[in-house]
Amino acid sequence: MVAKGTRAAKGLINLWATDRGTFPVVLLVGFAMTAAIGNGVRHLINNPDVCLTKSKRGNSMHYDEGQGVEWQAQRSRFANMDKNPVNQSHQENKYP
């Protein structure tokens, strides 16, 4: 009969690869990382507050009203997918 090695002697990769409970964790972490990176890229590309181009950074008036309205419309569309009293109060557009 061959004795099984202790968990400490197996090494990290071999230990993680032989444990069945590891795969759901790896899948969830991979999904979360993909979602986080995708959200970051979306903000870098579409957010009107981000100035990646040199011409936009050099101009002190780099804001375009159309881009801001479009960005706000995306936010409102996502927030109002499920209508309820909180997201239908329209207080977010009223500033003191």
C-alpha atoms as a PDB file:
ATOM      1  CA  MET A   1       0.000   0.000   0.000  1.00  0.00           C
ATOM      2  CA  VAL A   2       1.363   3.386  -1.026  1.00  0.00           C
ATOM      3  CA  ALA A   3       1.087   6.107   1.577  1.00  0.00           C
ATOM      4  CA  LYS A   4      -0.491   9.335   0.448  1.00  0.00           C
ATOM      5  CA  GLY A   5       1.641  12.436   0.859  1.00  0.00           C
ATOM      6  CA  THR A   6       0.643  15.116   3.269  1.00  0.00           C
ATOM      7  CA  ARG A   7      -1.069  18.203   1.981  1.00  0.00           C
ATOM      8  CA  ALA A   8       2.010  20.314   2.717  1.00  0.00           C
ATOM      9  CA  ALA A   9       4.205  18.094   0.548  1.00  0.00           C
ATOM     10  CA  LYS A  10       1.955  18.296  -2.535  1.00  0.00           C
ATOM     11  CA  GLY A  11       2.760  21.849  -3.589  1.00  0.00           C
ATOM     12  CA  LEU A  12       0.350  24.671  -4.248  1.00  0.00           C
ATOM     13  CA  ILE A  13      -0.615  23.922  -7.862  1.00  0.00           C
ATOM     14  CA  ASN A  14      -1.062  20.201  -7.302  1.00  0.00           C
ATOM     15  CA  LEU A  15      -3.048  20.796  -4.122  1.00  0.00           C
ATOM     16  CA  TRP A  16      -5.424  23.264  -5.818  1.00  0.00           C
ATOM     17  CA  ALA A  17      -5.805  21.087  -8.917  1.00  0.00           C
ATOM     18  CA  THR A  18      -6.813  17.989  -6.935  1.00  0.00           C
ATOM     19  CA  ASP A  19      -9.424  19.687  -4.740  1.00  0.00           C
ATOM     20  CA  ARG A  20     -12.893  19.678  -6.359  1.00  0.00           C
ATOM     21  CA  GLY A  21     -14.028  22.678  -4.321  1.00  0.00           C
ATOM     22  CA  THR A  22     -11.439  24.833  -6.022  1.00  0.00           C
ATOM     23  CA  PHE A  23     -13.077  24.997  -9.434  1.00  0.00           C
ATOM     24  CA  PRO A  24     -16.191  27.014  -8.434  1.00  0.00           C
ATOM     25  CA  VAL A  25     -13.942  29.484  -6.614  1.00  0.00           C
ATOM     26  CA  VAL A  26     -11.671  29.857  -9.637  1.00  0.00           C
ATOM     27  CA  LEU A  27     -14.673  30.321 -11.947  1.00  0.00           C
ATOM     28  CA  LEU A  28     -16.266  32.960  -9.717  1.00  0.00           C
ATOM     29  CA  VAL A  29     -13.006  34.853  -9.273  1.00  0.00           C
ATOM     30  CA  GLY A  30     -12.417  34.720 -13.026  1.00  0.00           C
ATOM     31  CA  PHE A  31     -15.930  36.041 -13.704  1.00  0.00           C
ATOM     32  CA  ALA A  32     -15.507  38.822 -11.125  1.00  0.00           C
ATOM     33  CA  MET A  33     -12.147  39.846 -12.589  1.00  0.00           C
ATOM     34  CA  THR A  34     -13.590  39.888 -16.105  1.00  0.00           C
ATOM     35  CA  ALA A  35     -16.530  42.031 -14.962  1.00  0.00           C
ATOM     36  CA  ALA A  36     -14.259  44.454 -13.078  1.00  0.00           C
ATOM     37  CA  ILE A  37     -11.837  44.846 -15.984  1.00  0.00           C
ATOM     38  CA  GLY A  38     -14.730  45.282 -18.424  1.00  0.00           C
ATOM     39  CA  ASN A  39     -16.301  47.962 -16.245  1.00  0.00           C
ATOM     40  CA  GLY A  40     -12.971  49.776 -15.941  1.00  0.00           C
ATOM     41  CA  VAL A  41     -12.429  49.713 -19.702  1.00  0.00           C
ATOM     42  CA  ARG A  42     -15.996  50.925 -20.287  1.00  0.00           C
ATOM     43  CA  HIS A  43     -15.398  53.902 -17.994  1.00  0.00           C
ATOM     44  CA  LEU A  44     -12.040  54.700 -19.586  1.00  0.00           C
ATOM     45  CA  ILE A  45     -13.537  54.679 -23.064  1.00  0.00           C
ATOM     46  CA  ASN A  46     -16.992  56.215 -22.533  1.00  0.00           C
ATOM     47  CA  ASN A  47     -16.878  58.452 -19.445  1.00  0.00           C
ATOM     48  CA  PRO A  48     -16.767  62.138 -20.443  1.00  0.00           C
ATOM     49  CA  ASP A  49     -14.657  62.962 -17.346  1.00  0.00           C
ATOM     50  CA  VAL A  50     -11.745  60.811 -18.571  1.00  0.00           C
ATOM     51  CA  CYS A  51      -9.304  62.672 -20.828  1.00  0.00           C
ATOM     52  CA  LEU A  52      -7.043  60.144 -22.551  1.00  0.00           C
ATOM     53  CA  THR A  53      -6.291  62.079 -25.729  1.00  0.00           C
ATOM     54  CA  LYS A  54      -3.717  64.858 -25.642  1.00  0.00           C
ATOM     55  CA  SER A  55      -6.022  67.336 -27.387  1.00  0.00           C
ATOM     56  CA  LYS A  56      -8.764  66.771 -24.807  1.00  0.00           C
ATOM     57  CA  ARG A  57      -6.309  67.122 -21.898  1.00  0.00           C
ATOM     58  CA  GLY A  58      -4.864  70.345 -23.286  1.00  0.00           C
ATOM     59  CA  ASN A  59      -8.246  72.025 -23.652  1.00  0.00           C
ATOM     60  CA  SER A  60      -9.584  73.443 -20.389  1.00  0.00           C
ATOM     61  CA  MET A  61     -13.119  73.291 -21.805  1.00  0.00           C
ATOM     62  CA  HIS A  62     -13.004  69.619 -22.746  1.00  0.00           C
ATOM     63  CA  TYR A  63     -16.564  68.886 -21.708  1.00  0.00           C
ATOM     64  CA  ASP A  64     -19.087  68.260 -24.453  1.00  0.00           C
ATOM     65  CA  GLU A  65     -22.689  68.584 -23.308  1.00  0.00           C
ATOM     66  CA  GLY A  66     -23.856  65.810 -25.632  1.00  0.00           C
ATOM     67  CA  GLN A  67     -21.433  63.311 -24.107  1.00  0.00           C
ATOM     68  CA  GLY A  68     -22.561  64.204 -20.597  1.00  0.00           C
ATOM     69  CA  VAL A  69     -26.233  63.826 -21.468  1.00  0.00           C
ATOM     70  CA  GLU A  70     -25.551  60.471 -23.123  1.00  0.00           C
ATOM     71  CA  TRP A  71     -23.563  59.234 -20.100  1.00  0.00           C
ATOM     72  CA  GLN A  72     -26.340  60.336 -17.726  1.00  0.00           C
ATOM     73  CA  ALA A  73     -28.953  58.601 -19.904  1.00  0.00           C
ATOM     74  CA  GLN A  74     -27.051  55.311 -19.583  1.00  0.00           C
ATOM     75  CA  ARG A  75     -27.037  55.712 -15.812  1.00  0.00           C
ATOM     76  CA  SER A  76     -30.761  56.474 -15.694  1.00  0.00           C
ATOM     77  CA  ARG A  77     -31.650  53.593 -18.012  1.00  0.00           C
ATOM     78  CA  PHE A  78     -29.746  51.122 -15.826  1.00  0.00           C
ATOM     79  CA  ALA A  79     -31.207  52.523 -12.589  1.00  0.00           C
ATOM     80  CA  ASN A  80     -34.795  52.393 -13.865  1.00  0.00           C
ATOM     81  CA  MET A  81     -34.815  48.815 -15.128  1.00  0.00           C
ATOM     82  CA  ASP A  82     -36.917  47.896 -12.088  1.00  0.00           C
ATOM     83  CA  LYS A  83     -39.194  50.802 -11.222  1.00  0.00           C
ATOM     84  CA  ASN A  84     -39.780  51.554  -7.527  1.00  0.00           C
ATOM     85  CA  PRO A  85     -40.520  54.670  -5.405  1.00  0.00           C
ATOM     86  CA  VAL A  86     -36.834  55.374  -4.788  1.00  0.00           C
ATOM     87  CA  ASN A  87     -35.732  55.526  -8.415  1.00  0.00           C
ATOM     88  CA  GLN A  88     -38.884  57.314  -9.574  1.00  0.00           C
ATOM     89  CA  SER A  89     -38.555  60.328  -7.222  1.00  0.00           C
ATOM     90  CA  HIS A  90     -36.255  62.255  -9.676  1.00  0.00           C
ATOM     91  CA  GLN A  91     -34.407  63.940  -6.806  1.00  0.00           C
ATOM     92  CA  GLU A  92     -31.042  63.101  -8.391  1.00  0.00           C
ATOM     93  CA  ASN A  93     -31.591  65.889 -10.941  1.00  0.00           C
ATOM     94  CA  LYS A  94     -32.411  68.571  -8.350  1.00  0.00           C
ATOM     95  CA  TYR A  95     -29.373  70.229  -6.791  1.00  0.00           C
ATOM     96  CA  PRO A  96     -29.600  72.827  -4.016  1.00  0.00           C
END
